């Protein structure tokens, strides 16, 4: 799977999902959900070890936290 990315963000329509590994499909759906606000990945998907490896789960959770709280984290000023 090759990710298409440019100044406008990810081009999810150009990604070919045929014969994709299940754990990569979950990462793809999570990236799409974070980027576009879609709801293509569920808690049941994330909780399934057959669909999401431990490493992918950690990456998805970190990405979700950055998407939600990134501005506050990146604008953090030490006093």
Protein backbone atom coordinates (compact mmCIF):
# COMPACT_ATOMS: atom_id res chain seq x y z
CA UNK A 1 0.00 0.00 0.00
CA UNK A 2 1.39 3.40 -0.97
CA UNK A 3 0.11 6.48 0.83
CA UNK A 4 -0.55 9.48 -1.37
CA UNK A 5 0.13 12.76 0.45
CA UNK A 6 0.50 16.33 -0.74
CA UNK A 7 -0.03 19.88 0.54
CA UNK A 8 -3.78 19.24 0.75
CA UNK A 9 -3.33 16.13 2.92
CA UNK A 10 -3.87 12.44 2.21
CA UNK A 11 -5.54 11.36 -1.01
CA UNK A 12 -7.51 8.41 0.34
CA UNK A 13 -9.30 7.82 -2.97
CA UNK A 14 -6.01 6.92 -4.68
CA UNK A 15 -5.05 4.23 -2.18
CA UNK A 16 -5.63 0.73 -3.54
CA UNK A 17 -6.91 -1.53 -0.78
CA UNK A 18 -6.92 -4.82 -2.68
CA UNK A 19 -5.09 -7.61 -0.85
CA UNK A 20 -4.24 -5.31 2.06
CA UNK A 21 -3.28 -6.91 5.37
CA UNK A 22 -6.04 -6.58 8.01
CA UNK A 23 -3.88 -4.58 10.44
CA UNK A 24 -2.94 -2.11 7.68
CA UNK A 25 -6.60 -1.71 6.76
CA UNK A 26 -7.32 -0.68 10.35
CA UNK A 27 -4.48 1.85 10.25
CA UNK A 28 -5.82 3.17 6.93
CA UNK A 29 -9.35 3.51 8.35
CA UNK A 30 -8.03 5.22 11.49
CA UNK A 31 -5.99 7.69 9.42
CA UNK A 32 -9.04 8.40 7.26
CA UNK A 33 -11.24 8.87 10.34
CA UNK A 34 -8.77 11.29 11.90
CA UNK A 35 -8.24 13.22 8.66
CA UNK A 36 -11.80 13.42 7.39
CA UNK A 37 -13.86 12.95 10.54
CA UNK A 38 -15.41 9.75 9.22
CA UNK A 39 -16.44 6.92 11.52
CA UNK A 40 -14.98 4.01 9.55
CA UNK A 41 -13.21 2.39 12.48
CA UNK A 42 -14.96 1.24 15.64
CA UNK A 43 -13.92 0.39 19.16
CA UNK A 44 -14.65 -3.24 18.30
CA UNK A 45 -12.11 -3.01 15.44
CA UNK A 46 -9.49 -1.49 17.72
CA UNK A 47 -10.10 -4.12 20.40
CA UNK A 48 -9.60 -7.02 17.99
CA UNK A 49 -6.02 -8.38 18.11
CA UNK A 50 -6.65 -10.08 14.76
CA UNK A 51 -7.29 -6.70 13.12
CA UNK A 52 -4.98 -4.38 15.06
CA UNK A 53 -1.50 -5.28 16.25
CA UNK A 54 -0.22 -3.82 19.52
CA UNK A 55 2.07 -1.47 17.60
CA UNK A 56 -0.74 -0.29 15.33
CA UNK A 57 -3.00 0.23 18.36
CA UNK A 58 -0.38 2.44 20.04
CA UNK A 59 0.12 4.45 16.85
CA UNK A 60 -3.63 4.92 16.38
CA UNK A 61 -4.17 6.01 20.00
CA UNK A 62 -1.27 8.48 19.83
CA UNK A 63 -2.59 9.85 16.53
CA UNK A 64 -6.08 10.26 18.01
CA UNK A 65 -4.67 12.10 21.03
CA UNK A 66 -2.59 14.39 18.82
CA UNK A 67 -5.58 15.07 16.58
CA UNK A 68 -7.72 15.98 19.60
CA UNK A 69 -5.17 17.77 21.82
CA UNK A 70 -2.36 18.59 19.38
CA UNK A 71 -2.84 22.35 19.50
CA UNK A 72 -2.57 22.40 23.28
CA UNK A 73 0.44 20.08 23.24
CA UNK A 74 2.28 21.95 20.49
CA UNK A 75 1.56 25.36 22.02
CA UNK A 76 2.73 24.29 25.46
CA UNK A 77 5.00 26.94 26.96
CA UNK A 78 7.30 26.22 29.87
CA UNK A 79 7.08 28.77 32.64
